[in-house]
Amino acid sequence: MLSRIADTLVPVVGRLSVTTDPGTELAPGSIIAANHTSLADPAVVVAALHRLGVEPVIMAAAGLWRVPLLGRALAREGHIPVFRGDRRAAAALDAAAQALEQGRLVLIYAEGGLPRREDAAEAAPGAFRSGLARLAERTGAPVVPVGQAGARRVTSGSTAKQLAGLVTAPLRRPDLHVHVSAPLELTGGPAVQTALARAAVTTAWRTAASHLGEPAALAV
């Protein structure tokens, strides 16, 4: 349901385009790793994946489960709450591993939070936490790097600015782009795997941001 809703609502607030690397396959039991820049980007990524025929299990901040209606929908559809800095955090990896074993695709945001910036500009992904590497090592699942750009044009900055951005987005309809890269197998120790994953997601982000003419992506 969430995938269908996202695919319906995202075109209302922006113009979404999607590209993939040649021969990219979103195989069952894959981990999808995306960059996180805005409260709007999960909907953008889920809408893009829905267009590619994929409805992932989403690992998201546990606080969302306290939101009326949304929380019930997340629980009903088997999405995974992540309790950061809590002993329950390990349970999220257990649930993700089980979903992968069942052939589901799991969407994870390895940065673990949003950038603390007020502007709407794009920037490369921040440091990755170790959860992605630990999940890949535990399950042997391939990692599909996904880069999204433009979501900060919908919502970014202070609470007031985010609300204003969301209200005006249907009038502005900013360009949004998602790029899905070819899957990769993470090798080496946890630190190496984390660095490989971040580099791959950064490359996917750069491709997405380049489609929008973002200076941060075009500068390198």
N, C-alpha and C. Protein backbone atom coordinates (compact mmCIF):
# COMPACT_ATOMS: atom_id res chain seq x y z
N MET A 1 0.82 -1.20 0.00
CA MET A 1 0.00 0.00 0.00
C MET A 1 0.86 1.26 0.00
N LEU A 2 1.92 1.29 0.84
CA LEU A 2 2.77 2.47 0.91
C LEU A 2 3.44 2.76 -0.42
N SER A 3 3.86 1.70 -1.13
CA SER A 3 4.50 1.89 -2.43
C SER A 3 3.52 2.51 -3.42
N ARG A 4 2.30 2.04 -3.41
CA ARG A 4 1.30 2.57 -4.35
C ARG A 4 0.95 4.02 -4.00
N ILE A 5 0.84 4.30 -2.69
CA ILE A 5 0.55 5.68 -2.28
C ILE A 5 1.68 6.61 -2.69
N ALA A 6 2.93 6.18 -2.45
CA ALA A 6 4.08 7.01 -2.82
C ALA A 6 4.11 7.27 -4.32
N ASP A 7 3.82 6.24 -5.11
CA ASP A 7 3.84 6.39 -6.56
C ASP A 7 2.73 7.31 -7.05
N THR A 8 1.68 7.44 -6.25
CA THR A 8 0.58 8.35 -6.60
C THR A 8 0.86 9.78 -6.15
N LEU A 9 1.41 9.94 -4.94
CA LEU A 9 1.59 11.27 -4.36
C LEU A 9 2.83 12.00 -4.84
N VAL A 10 3.92 11.26 -5.07
CA VAL A 10 5.18 11.93 -5.44
C VAL A 10 5.03 12.76 -6.72
N PRO A 11 4.35 12.28 -7.77
CA PRO A 11 4.18 13.13 -8.96
C PRO A 11 3.39 14.40 -8.70
N VAL A 12 2.65 14.45 -7.59
CA VAL A 12 1.91 15.67 -7.25
C VAL A 12 2.86 16.75 -6.77
N VAL A 13 3.93 16.36 -6.06
CA VAL A 13 4.84 17.35 -5.48
C VAL A 13 6.09 17.58 -6.31
N GLY A 14 6.32 16.78 -7.34
CA GLY A 14 7.52 16.95 -8.15
C GLY A 14 7.49 16.10 -9.40
N ARG A 15 8.46 16.33 -10.26
CA ARG A 15 8.58 15.58 -11.51
C ARG A 15 9.67 14.52 -11.33
N LEU A 16 9.25 13.28 -11.16
CA LEU A 16 10.18 12.19 -10.86
C LEU A 16 10.63 11.48 -12.13
N SER A 17 11.94 11.30 -12.23
CA SER A 17 12.50 10.48 -13.30
C SER A 17 13.41 9.43 -12.67
N VAL A 18 13.55 8.31 -13.36
CA VAL A 18 14.29 7.16 -12.82
C VAL A 18 15.21 6.60 -13.89
N THR A 19 16.45 6.31 -13.52
CA THR A 19 17.38 5.65 -14.43
C THR A 19 18.04 4.48 -13.70
N THR A 20 18.59 3.55 -14.48
CA THR A 20 19.31 2.41 -13.92
C THR A 20 20.58 2.18 -14.72
N ASP A 21 21.56 1.55 -14.08
CA ASP A 21 22.73 1.10 -14.83
C ASP A 21 22.31 0.01 -15.81
N PRO A 22 23.01 -0.11 -16.93
CA PRO A 22 22.67 -1.18 -17.88
C PRO A 22 22.72 -2.55 -17.21
N GLY A 23 21.71 -3.35 -17.44
CA GLY A 23 21.69 -4.71 -16.91
C GLY A 23 21.40 -4.83 -15.43
N THR A 24 21.02 -3.73 -14.80
CA THR A 24 20.74 -3.78 -13.36
C THR A 24 19.54 -4.66 -13.08
N GLU A 25 19.67 -5.53 -12.10
CA GLU A 25 18.59 -6.43 -11.72
C GLU A 25 18.35 -6.32 -10.22
N LEU A 26 17.09 -6.12 -9.85
CA LEU A 26 16.72 -6.05 -8.44
C LEU A 26 16.22 -7.43 -8.04
N ALA A 27 17.18 -8.30 -7.72
CA ALA A 27 16.86 -9.69 -7.44
C ALA A 27 16.24 -9.85 -6.06
N PRO A 28 15.36 -10.84 -5.87
CA PRO A 28 14.82 -11.11 -4.55
C PRO A 28 15.95 -11.34 -3.54
N GLY A 29 15.74 -10.87 -2.32
CA GLY A 29 16.75 -11.04 -1.28
C GLY A 29 17.91 -10.07 -1.37
N SER A 30 17.69 -8.90 -1.99
CA SER A 30 18.74 -7.90 -2.11
C SER A 30 18.55 -6.79 -1.08
N ILE A 31 19.67 -6.17 -0.70
CA ILE A 31 19.64 -4.99 0.17
C ILE A 31 19.73 -3.76 -0.72
N ILE A 32 18.80 -2.83 -0.55
CA ILE A 32 18.83 -1.57 -1.29
C ILE A 32 19.34 -0.49 -0.34
N ALA A 33 20.45 0.14 -0.70
CA ALA A 33 21.06 1.17 0.14
C ALA A 33 20.93 2.52 -0.56
N ALA A 34 20.24 3.46 0.09
CA ALA A 34 20.00 4.78 -0.52
C ALA A 34 20.54 5.89 0.36
N ASN A 35 20.86 7.02 -0.26
CA ASN A 35 21.27 8.20 0.51
C ASN A 35 20.05 8.89 1.10
N HIS A 36 20.26 9.58 2.22
CA HIS A 36 19.15 10.17 2.97
C HIS A 36 19.42 11.65 3.16
N THR A 37 18.57 12.51 2.56
CA THR A 37 18.81 13.95 2.61
C THR A 37 17.62 14.74 3.12
N SER A 38 16.42 14.14 3.11
CA SER A 38 15.21 14.89 3.39
C SER A 38 14.13 13.96 3.92
N LEU A 39 13.16 14.52 4.65
CA LEU A 39 12.03 13.72 5.08
C LEU A 39 11.22 13.21 3.89
N ALA A 40 11.40 13.85 2.73
CA ALA A 40 10.63 13.47 1.55
C ALA A 40 11.27 12.33 0.76
N ASP A 41 12.57 12.08 0.96
CA ASP A 41 13.21 11.15 0.03
C ASP A 41 12.80 9.68 0.18
N PRO A 42 12.36 9.20 1.36
CA PRO A 42 11.86 7.81 1.36
C PRO A 42 10.69 7.60 0.40
N ALA A 43 9.77 8.57 0.37
CA ALA A 43 8.64 8.46 -0.57
C ALA A 43 9.13 8.50 -2.01
N VAL A 44 10.12 9.34 -2.29
CA VAL A 44 10.67 9.45 -3.65
C VAL A 44 11.31 8.13 -4.07
N VAL A 45 12.12 7.56 -3.19
CA VAL A 45 12.79 6.30 -3.52
C VAL A 45 11.79 5.16 -3.66
N VAL A 46 10.82 5.08 -2.75
CA VAL A 46 9.82 4.02 -2.82
C VAL A 46 8.99 4.14 -4.09
N ALA A 47 8.65 5.37 -4.49
CA ALA A 47 7.90 5.57 -5.74
C ALA A 47 8.72 5.11 -6.94
N ALA A 48 10.02 5.44 -6.93
CA ALA A 48 10.89 5.02 -8.03
C ALA A 48 11.00 3.50 -8.11
N LEU A 49 11.16 2.86 -6.96
CA LEU A 49 11.27 1.41 -6.94
C LEU A 49 9.96 0.75 -7.38
N HIS A 50 8.83 1.35 -7.02
CA HIS A 50 7.54 0.82 -7.44
C HIS A 50 7.43 0.82 -8.96
N ARG A 51 7.97 1.84 -9.60
CA ARG A 51 7.96 1.90 -11.07
C ARG A 51 8.81 0.79 -11.67
N LEU A 52 9.78 0.31 -10.89
CA LEU A 52 10.64 -0.78 -11.36
C LEU A 52 10.10 -2.14 -10.91
N GLY A 53 8.91 -2.15 -10.32
CA GLY A 53 8.27 -3.40 -9.93
C GLY A 53 8.71 -3.94 -8.59
N VAL A 54 9.25 -3.07 -7.73
CA VAL A 54 9.77 -3.51 -6.43
C VAL A 54 9.02 -2.81 -5.31
N GLU A 55 8.61 -3.58 -4.29
CA GLU A 55 7.99 -3.03 -3.09
C GLU A 55 8.81 -3.50 -1.88
N PRO A 56 9.77 -2.68 -1.45
CA PRO A 56 10.72 -3.14 -0.42
C PRO A 56 10.16 -3.09 0.98
N VAL A 57 10.79 -3.86 1.86
CA VAL A 57 10.63 -3.69 3.30
C VAL A 57 11.55 -2.53 3.69
N ILE A 58 11.02 -1.57 4.44
CA ILE A 58 11.78 -0.37 4.76
C ILE A 58 12.24 -0.40 6.21
N MET A 59 13.53 -0.17 6.43
CA MET A 59 14.06 0.03 7.77
C MET A 59 14.02 1.54 8.05
N ALA A 60 13.25 1.93 9.08
CA ALA A 60 13.04 3.35 9.33
C ALA A 60 13.04 3.64 10.83
N ALA A 61 13.20 4.91 11.17
CA ALA A 61 13.24 5.34 12.57
C ALA A 61 11.98 4.89 13.29
N ALA A 62 12.16 4.31 14.47
CA ALA A 62 11.04 3.73 15.21
C ALA A 62 9.97 4.76 15.56
N GLY A 63 10.33 6.03 15.64
CA GLY A 63 9.36 7.06 15.97
C GLY A 63 8.20 7.14 15.00
N LEU A 64 8.42 6.71 13.76
CA LEU A 64 7.34 6.75 12.76
C LEU A 64 6.20 5.82 13.13
N TRP A 65 6.50 4.79 13.91
CA TRP A 65 5.45 3.85 14.30
C TRP A 65 4.49 4.47 15.32
N ARG A 66 4.85 5.64 15.86
CA ARG A 66 3.96 6.33 16.79
C ARG A 66 3.03 7.31 16.09
N VAL A 67 3.22 7.50 14.78
CA VAL A 67 2.37 8.41 14.02
C VAL A 67 1.05 7.70 13.70
N PRO A 68 -0.09 8.30 14.06
CA PRO A 68 -1.38 7.67 13.78
C PRO A 68 -1.53 7.31 12.30
N LEU A 69 -2.16 6.23 12.03
CA LEU A 69 -2.41 5.69 10.69
C LEU A 69 -1.13 5.19 10.03
N LEU A 70 -0.10 6.06 9.95
CA LEU A 70 1.15 5.63 9.34
C LEU A 70 1.76 4.48 10.12
N GLY A 71 1.78 4.60 11.45
CA GLY A 71 2.35 3.54 12.28
C GLY A 71 1.66 2.21 12.07
N ARG A 72 0.35 2.23 11.99
CA ARG A 72 -0.40 0.99 11.79
C ARG A 72 -0.10 0.40 10.42
N ALA A 73 0.02 1.27 9.42
CA ALA A 73 0.33 0.78 8.07
C ALA A 73 1.73 0.17 8.01
N LEU A 74 2.68 0.80 8.67
CA LEU A 74 4.04 0.27 8.68
C LEU A 74 4.09 -1.09 9.35
N ALA A 75 3.39 -1.22 10.47
CA ALA A 75 3.38 -2.49 11.19
C ALA A 75 2.67 -3.58 10.38
N ARG A 76 1.55 -3.22 9.78
CA ARG A 76 0.76 -4.20 9.03
C ARG A 76 1.54 -4.76 7.84
N GLU A 77 2.36 -3.92 7.20
CA GLU A 77 3.07 -4.34 6.00
C GLU A 77 4.45 -4.90 6.28
N GLY A 78 4.81 -5.04 7.55
CA GLY A 78 6.05 -5.71 7.90
C GLY A 78 7.31 -4.88 7.78
N HIS A 79 7.18 -3.54 7.77
CA HIS A 79 8.37 -2.70 7.74
C HIS A 79 9.05 -2.75 9.11
N ILE A 80 10.30 -2.34 9.16
CA ILE A 80 11.15 -2.63 10.32
C ILE A 80 11.52 -1.36 11.08
N PRO A 81 11.08 -1.24 12.35
CA PRO A 81 11.47 -0.08 13.16
C PRO A 81 12.91 -0.21 13.65
N VAL A 82 13.64 0.88 13.59
CA VAL A 82 15.02 0.90 14.05
C VAL A 82 15.09 1.79 15.29
N PHE A 83 15.47 1.19 16.41
CA PHE A 83 15.61 1.91 17.67
C PHE A 83 17.09 2.26 17.83
N ARG A 84 17.47 3.48 17.46
CA ARG A 84 18.87 3.86 17.51
C ARG A 84 19.30 4.10 18.95
N GLY A 85 20.52 3.64 19.27
CA GLY A 85 21.05 3.82 20.61
C GLY A 85 20.29 3.05 21.66
N ASP A 86 19.70 1.94 21.27
CA ASP A 86 18.85 1.15 22.16
C ASP A 86 19.21 -0.31 21.98
N ARG A 87 19.05 -1.10 23.04
CA ARG A 87 19.38 -2.52 22.94
C ARG A 87 18.50 -3.23 21.91
N ARG A 88 17.35 -2.61 21.57
CA ARG A 88 16.46 -3.20 20.57
C ARG A 88 16.97 -3.01 19.15
N ALA A 89 18.05 -2.26 18.97
CA ALA A 89 18.58 -2.01 17.63
C ALA A 89 18.97 -3.32 16.94
N ALA A 90 19.49 -4.28 17.70
CA ALA A 90 19.88 -5.56 17.10
C ALA A 90 18.70 -6.30 16.53
N ALA A 91 17.52 -6.09 17.11
CA ALA A 91 16.32 -6.77 16.61
C ALA A 91 15.99 -6.34 15.20
N ALA A 92 16.34 -5.10 14.83
CA ALA A 92 16.08 -4.63 13.47
C ALA A 92 16.88 -5.43 12.46
N LEU A 93 18.15 -5.72 12.78
CA LEU A 93 18.96 -6.52 11.86
C LEU A 93 18.43 -7.95 11.77
N ASP A 94 17.93 -8.48 12.90
CA ASP A 94 17.33 -9.82 12.87
C ASP A 94 16.12 -9.84 11.93
N ALA A 95 15.27 -8.81 12.05
CA ALA A 95 14.07 -8.75 11.21
C ALA A 95 14.44 -8.56 9.74
N ALA A 96 15.47 -7.75 9.48
CA ALA A 96 15.90 -7.53 8.10
C ALA A 96 16.47 -8.80 7.50
N ALA A 97 17.26 -9.53 8.28
CA ALA A 97 17.83 -10.79 7.79
C ALA A 97 16.71 -11.79 7.47
N GLN A 98 15.70 -11.83 8.31
CA GLN A 98 14.58 -12.74 8.05
C GLN A 98 13.83 -12.36 6.78
N ALA A 99 13.63 -11.05 6.57
CA ALA A 99 12.95 -10.59 5.35
C ALA A 99 13.75 -10.96 4.11
N LEU A 100 15.07 -10.82 4.18
CA LEU A 100 15.92 -11.18 3.04
C LEU A 100 15.84 -12.67 2.76
N GLU A 101 15.84 -13.47 3.80
CA GLU A 101 15.74 -14.92 3.63
C GLU A 101 14.41 -15.32 2.97
N GLN A 102 13.38 -14.51 3.18
CA GLN A 102 12.08 -14.76 2.59
C GLN A 102 11.97 -14.23 1.16
N GLY A 103 13.06 -13.65 0.66
CA GLY A 103 13.07 -13.15 -0.71
C GLY A 103 12.62 -11.71 -0.85
N ARG A 104 12.37 -11.02 0.27
CA ARG A 104 12.00 -9.61 0.19
C ARG A 104 13.25 -8.77 -0.07
N LEU A 105 13.05 -7.57 -0.59
CA LEU A 105 14.13 -6.60 -0.72
C LEU A 105 14.01 -5.63 0.43
N VAL A 106 15.13 -5.30 1.03
CA VAL A 106 15.14 -4.45 2.23
C VAL A 106 15.83 -3.13 1.90
N LEU A 107 15.12 -2.02 2.16
CA LEU A 107 15.66 -0.69 1.93
C LEU A 107 16.23 -0.15 3.24
N ILE A 108 17.51 0.23 3.21
CA ILE A 108 18.19 0.71 4.41
C ILE A 108 18.85 2.06 4.12
N TYR A 109 18.82 2.93 5.13
CA TYR A 109 19.49 4.22 5.05
C TYR A 109 20.69 4.17 5.98
N ALA A 110 21.84 3.90 5.42
CA ALA A 110 23.03 3.60 6.23
C ALA A 110 23.60 4.83 6.93
N GLU A 111 23.23 6.04 6.50
CA GLU A 111 23.73 7.24 7.17
C GLU A 111 23.10 7.38 8.56
N GLY A 112 21.93 6.80 8.75
CA GLY A 112 21.30 6.79 10.05
C GLY A 112 20.66 8.09 10.49
N GLY A 113 20.55 9.07 9.60
CA GLY A 113 19.92 10.34 9.97
C GLY A 113 20.04 11.34 8.84
N LEU A 114 19.44 12.51 9.07
CA LEU A 114 19.43 13.56 8.05
C LEU A 114 20.58 14.55 8.27
N PRO A 115 21.06 15.18 7.19
CA PRO A 115 22.11 16.20 7.34
C PRO A 115 21.55 17.42 8.07
N ARG A 116 22.39 18.06 8.88
CA ARG A 116 21.97 19.24 9.63
C ARG A 116 22.32 20.50 8.84
N ARG A 117 21.58 20.71 7.77
CA ARG A 117 21.79 21.89 6.92
C ARG A 117 20.45 22.56 6.68
N GLU A 118 20.47 23.87 6.49
CA GLU A 118 19.25 24.62 6.25
C GLU A 118 18.95 24.78 4.76
N ASP A 119 19.99 24.73 3.92
CA ASP A 119 19.78 24.99 2.49
C ASP A 119 19.17 23.78 1.81
N ALA A 120 18.74 23.98 0.57
CA ALA A 120 18.10 22.92 -0.20
C ALA A 120 19.06 22.26 -1.19
N ALA A 121 20.36 22.58 -1.10
CA ALA A 121 21.32 22.06 -2.06
C ALA A 121 21.65 20.59 -1.80
N GLU A 122 22.21 19.95 -2.80
CA GLU A 122 22.64 18.56 -2.69
C GLU A 122 24.06 18.48 -2.14
N ALA A 123 24.35 17.38 -1.49
CA ALA A 123 25.70 17.09 -1.01
C ALA A 123 25.88 15.59 -0.99
N ALA A 124 27.12 15.15 -1.07
CA ALA A 124 27.41 13.72 -1.07
C ALA A 124 26.96 13.08 0.24
N PRO A 125 26.66 11.78 0.23
CA PRO A 125 26.24 11.10 1.46
C PRO A 125 27.26 11.26 2.58
N GLY A 126 26.76 11.33 3.81
CA GLY A 126 27.63 11.41 4.97
C GLY A 126 28.17 10.04 5.34
N ALA A 127 28.82 9.99 6.51
CA ALA A 127 29.41 8.73 6.97
C ALA A 127 28.33 7.67 7.17
N PHE A 128 28.67 6.44 6.80
CA PHE A 128 27.74 5.31 6.96
C PHE A 128 27.96 4.66 8.33
N ARG A 129 26.88 4.21 8.94
CA ARG A 129 26.98 3.38 10.13
C ARG A 129 27.28 1.94 9.71
N SER A 130 27.53 1.09 10.67
CA SER A 130 28.00 -0.27 10.36
C SER A 130 26.89 -1.27 10.06
N GLY A 131 25.62 -0.87 10.27
CA GLY A 131 24.52 -1.82 10.13
C GLY A 131 24.42 -2.45 8.76
N LEU A 132 24.63 -1.66 7.71
CA LEU A 132 24.55 -2.19 6.35
C LEU A 132 25.58 -3.29 6.14
N ALA A 133 26.83 -3.03 6.51
CA ALA A 133 27.89 -4.02 6.32
C ALA A 133 27.61 -5.28 7.14
N ARG A 134 27.12 -5.11 8.37
CA ARG A 134 26.83 -6.27 9.21
C ARG A 134 25.70 -7.11 8.63
N LEU A 135 24.70 -6.44 8.07
CA LEU A 135 23.58 -7.17 7.47
C LEU A 135 24.04 -7.92 6.22
N ALA A 136 24.86 -7.27 5.38
CA ALA A 136 25.35 -7.92 4.17
C ALA A 136 26.25 -9.10 4.49
N GLU A 137 27.12 -8.93 5.49
CA GLU A 137 28.03 -10.02 5.87
C GLU A 137 27.26 -11.20 6.45
N ARG A 138 26.26 -10.90 7.24
CA ARG A 138 25.46 -11.95 7.89
C ARG A 138 24.65 -12.76 6.89
N THR A 139 24.11 -12.10 5.87
CA THR A 139 23.18 -12.76 4.94
C THR A 139 23.79 -13.12 3.60
N GLY A 140 24.92 -12.47 3.25
CA GLY A 140 25.50 -12.67 1.93
C GLY A 140 24.69 -12.02 0.83
N ALA A 141 23.76 -11.14 1.19
CA ALA A 141 22.89 -10.50 0.19
C ALA A 141 23.65 -9.47 -0.62
N PRO A 142 23.34 -9.36 -1.91
CA PRO A 142 23.95 -8.30 -2.71
C PRO A 142 23.38 -6.94 -2.30
N VAL A 143 24.17 -5.91 -2.50
CA VAL A 143 23.75 -4.54 -2.16
C VAL A 143 23.50 -3.76 -3.45
N VAL A 144 22.34 -3.16 -3.53
CA VAL A 144 21.98 -2.34 -4.69
C VAL A 144 22.10 -0.87 -4.28
N PRO A 145 23.10 -0.14 -4.79
CA PRO A 145 23.25 1.27 -4.43
C PRO A 145 22.21 2.12 -5.17
N VAL A 146 21.56 2.99 -4.43
CA VAL A 146 20.56 3.89 -5.00
C VAL A 146 20.90 5.32 -4.61
N GLY A 147 20.87 6.20 -5.60
CA GLY A 147 21.09 7.61 -5.32
C GLY A 147 19.86 8.41 -5.69
N GLN A 148 19.44 9.29 -4.80
CA GLN A 148 18.31 10.17 -5.10
C GLN A 148 18.76 11.61 -4.95
N ALA A 149 18.17 12.48 -5.75
CA ALA A 149 18.46 13.91 -5.67
C ALA A 149 17.19 14.69 -5.94
N GLY A 150 17.08 15.84 -5.31
CA GLY A 150 15.93 16.71 -5.51
C GLY A 150 14.96 16.72 -4.36
N ALA A 151 15.01 15.74 -3.48
CA ALA A 151 14.05 15.68 -2.38
C ALA A 151 14.19 16.88 -1.45
N ARG A 152 15.40 17.44 -1.34
CA ARG A 152 15.58 18.61 -0.49
C ARG A 152 14.87 19.84 -1.07
N ARG A 153 14.54 19.78 -2.35
CA ARG A 153 13.77 20.87 -2.95
C ARG A 153 12.30 20.81 -2.51
N VAL A 154 11.90 19.65 -2.01
CA VAL A 154 10.54 19.50 -1.48
C VAL A 154 10.51 19.90 -0.02
N THR A 155 11.34 19.25 0.81
CA THR A 155 11.42 19.60 2.23
C THR A 155 12.87 19.61 2.68
N SER A 156 13.26 20.66 3.39
CA SER A 156 14.59 20.75 3.98
C SER A 156 14.60 21.91 4.96
N GLY A 157 15.61 21.93 5.84
CA GLY A 157 15.77 23.05 6.75
C GLY A 157 14.92 22.95 8.00
N SER A 158 14.53 24.08 8.55
CA SER A 158 13.76 24.16 9.78
C SER A 158 12.37 23.57 9.59
N THR A 159 11.68 23.34 10.70
CA THR A 159 10.33 22.79 10.62
C THR A 159 9.42 23.70 9.81
N ALA A 160 9.50 25.00 10.05
CA ALA A 160 8.66 25.94 9.31
C ALA A 160 8.97 25.90 7.82
N LYS A 161 10.27 25.83 7.49
CA LYS A 161 10.67 25.79 6.09
C LYS A 161 10.21 24.50 5.43
N GLN A 162 10.27 23.38 6.17
CA GLN A 162 9.83 22.11 5.61
C GLN A 162 8.34 22.13 5.33
N LEU A 163 7.56 22.66 6.26
CA LEU A 163 6.11 22.74 6.04
C LEU A 163 5.79 23.64 4.84
N ALA A 164 6.50 24.76 4.75
CA ALA A 164 6.27 25.66 3.62
C ALA A 164 6.65 24.98 2.30
N GLY A 165 7.75 24.24 2.33
CA GLY A 165 8.18 23.54 1.12
C GLY A 165 7.18 22.51 0.68
N LEU A 166 6.62 21.77 1.64
CA LEU A 166 5.65 20.74 1.31
C LEU A 166 4.37 21.34 0.76
N VAL A 167 3.94 22.46 1.33
CA VAL A 167 2.70 23.11 0.89
C VAL A 167 2.86 23.68 -0.52
N THR A 168 4.02 24.25 -0.81
CA THR A 168 4.22 24.89 -2.11
C THR A 168 4.72 23.95 -3.19
N ALA A 169 5.15 22.75 -2.81
CA ALA A 169 5.72 21.82 -3.79
C ALA A 169 4.77 21.51 -4.95
N PRO A 170 3.46 21.30 -4.71
CA PRO A 170 2.58 21.02 -5.85
C PRO A 170 2.52 22.15 -6.87
N LEU A 171 2.81 23.37 -6.43
CA LEU A 171 2.86 24.49 -7.37
C LEU A 171 4.22 24.58 -8.06
N ARG A 172 5.27 24.32 -7.28
CA ARG A 172 6.62 24.41 -7.84
C ARG A 172 6.99 23.18 -8.66
N ARG A 173 6.57 22.01 -8.20
CA ARG A 173 6.85 20.70 -8.80
C ARG A 173 8.34 20.59 -9.20
N PRO A 174 9.23 20.57 -8.21
CA PRO A 174 10.66 20.45 -8.51
C PRO A 174 11.01 19.12 -9.15
N ASP A 175 12.10 19.13 -9.90
CA ASP A 175 12.59 17.89 -10.51
C ASP A 175 13.19 16.99 -9.45
N LEU A 176 12.89 15.70 -9.55
CA LEU A 176 13.41 14.67 -8.66
C LEU A 176 14.00 13.56 -9.51
N HIS A 177 15.11 13.01 -9.09
CA HIS A 177 15.69 11.92 -9.88
C HIS A 177 16.24 10.83 -8.96
N VAL A 178 16.01 9.59 -9.36
CA VAL A 178 16.54 8.43 -8.65
C VAL A 178 17.32 7.58 -9.63
N HIS A 179 18.54 7.21 -9.23
CA HIS A 179 19.35 6.33 -10.08
C HIS A 179 19.66 5.05 -9.31
N VAL A 180 19.41 3.91 -9.95
CA VAL A 180 19.66 2.60 -9.36
C VAL A 180 20.89 1.99 -10.03
N SER A 181 21.92 1.73 -9.25
CA SER A 181 23.16 1.18 -9.79
C SER A 181 23.14 -0.35 -9.77
N ALA A 182 24.09 -0.93 -10.44
CA ALA A 182 24.20 -2.39 -10.48
C ALA A 182 24.55 -2.94 -9.10
N PRO A 183 24.04 -4.10 -8.75
CA PRO A 183 24.33 -4.70 -7.44
C PRO A 183 25.82 -4.98 -7.27
N LEU A 184 26.28 -4.98 -6.03
CA LEU A 184 27.66 -5.35 -5.75
C LEU A 184 27.71 -6.24 -4.52
N GLU A 185 28.74 -7.05 -4.47
CA GLU A 185 29.00 -7.91 -3.32
C GLU A 185 30.05 -7.21 -2.44
N LEU A 186 29.72 -7.00 -1.19
CA LEU A 186 30.67 -6.37 -0.28
C LEU A 186 31.68 -7.39 0.22
N THR A 187 32.95 -7.05 0.15
CA THR A 187 34.02 -7.94 0.60
C THR A 187 34.94 -7.20 1.56
N GLY A 188 35.76 -7.95 2.30
CA GLY A 188 36.68 -7.35 3.25
C GLY A 188 36.05 -7.25 4.63
N GLY A 189 36.75 -6.58 5.54
CA GLY A 189 36.24 -6.39 6.89
C GLY A 189 35.12 -5.37 6.92
N PRO A 190 34.48 -5.19 8.09
CA PRO A 190 33.36 -4.26 8.21
C PRO A 190 33.69 -2.83 7.76
N ALA A 191 34.86 -2.34 8.11
CA ALA A 191 35.22 -0.97 7.72
C ALA A 191 35.37 -0.85 6.21
N VAL A 192 35.98 -1.85 5.59
CA VAL A 192 36.15 -1.84 4.14
C VAL A 192 34.80 -1.96 3.45
N GLN A 193 33.95 -2.84 3.94
CA GLN A 193 32.63 -3.01 3.36
C GLN A 193 31.81 -1.73 3.46
N THR A 194 31.89 -1.09 4.61
CA THR A 194 31.16 0.16 4.79
C THR A 194 31.65 1.23 3.82
N ALA A 195 32.97 1.31 3.64
CA ALA A 195 33.54 2.29 2.72
C ALA A 195 33.13 1.99 1.28
N LEU A 196 33.13 0.70 0.90
CA LEU A 196 32.72 0.33 -0.46
C LEU A 196 31.26 0.70 -0.71
N ALA A 197 30.42 0.44 0.28
CA ALA A 197 28.99 0.75 0.13
C ALA A 197 28.78 2.25 0.00
N ARG A 198 29.46 3.02 0.84
CA ARG A 198 29.29 4.47 0.77
C ARG A 198 29.78 5.01 -0.57
N ALA A 199 30.89 4.50 -1.06
CA ALA A 199 31.41 4.96 -2.36
C ALA A 199 30.43 4.65 -3.48
N ALA A 200 29.80 3.47 -3.43
CA ALA A 200 28.86 3.08 -4.48
C ALA A 200 27.59 3.93 -4.42
N VAL A 201 27.09 4.19 -3.21
CA VAL A 201 25.90 5.04 -3.09
C VAL A 201 26.23 6.47 -3.50
N THR A 202 27.44 6.93 -3.19
CA THR A 202 27.86 8.27 -3.60
C THR A 202 27.89 8.39 -5.12
N THR A 203 28.38 7.35 -5.79
CA THR A 203 28.40 7.35 -7.26
C THR A 203 26.98 7.40 -7.82
N ALA A 204 26.08 6.63 -7.21
CA ALA A 204 24.68 6.64 -7.66
C ALA A 204 24.05 8.00 -7.41
N TRP A 205 24.35 8.59 -6.24
CA TRP A 205 23.84 9.94 -5.96
C TRP A 205 24.37 10.95 -6.97
N ARG A 206 25.66 10.85 -7.30
CA ARG A 206 26.25 11.80 -8.23
C ARG A 206 25.56 11.71 -9.59
N THR A 207 25.23 10.50 -10.01
CA THR A 207 24.53 10.32 -11.27
C THR A 207 23.15 10.98 -11.21
N ALA A 208 22.43 10.75 -10.10
CA ALA A 208 21.11 11.34 -9.94
C ALA A 208 21.18 12.85 -9.91
N ALA A 209 22.10 13.39 -9.13
CA ALA A 209 22.21 14.84 -8.99
C ALA A 209 22.67 15.50 -10.29
N SER A 210 23.50 14.79 -11.06
CA SER A 210 23.94 15.32 -12.35
C SER A 210 22.76 15.49 -13.30
N HIS A 211 21.77 14.59 -13.22
CA HIS A 211 20.58 14.71 -14.06
C HIS A 211 19.82 16.00 -13.76
N LEU A 212 19.97 16.52 -12.54
CA LEU A 212 19.29 17.73 -12.14
C LEU A 212 20.17 18.97 -12.29
N GLY A 213 21.41 18.77 -12.77
CA GLY A 213 22.33 19.88 -12.92
C GLY A 213 22.82 20.46 -11.62
N GLU A 214 22.86 19.62 -10.56
CA GLU A 214 23.30 20.10 -9.25
C GLU A 214 24.81 20.39 -9.25
N PRO A 215 25.20 21.59 -8.83
CA PRO A 215 26.63 21.96 -8.83
C PRO A 215 27.51 21.00 -8.04
N ALA A 216 27.01 20.47 -6.90
CA ALA A 216 27.83 19.60 -6.08
C ALA A 216 28.22 18.34 -6.82
N ALA A 217 27.37 17.87 -7.72
CA ALA A 217 27.67 16.66 -8.48
C ALA A 217 28.49 16.96 -9.73
N LEU A 218 28.29 18.13 -10.30
CA LEU A 218 28.98 18.49 -11.55
C LEU A 218 30.39 18.99 -11.31
N ALA A 219 30.70 19.33 -10.05
CA ALA A 219 32.00 19.93 -9.74
C ALA A 219 33.14 18.95 -9.80
N VAL A 220 32.83 17.63 -9.66
CA VAL A 220 33.90 16.62 -9.62
C VAL A 220 33.86 15.80 -10.90
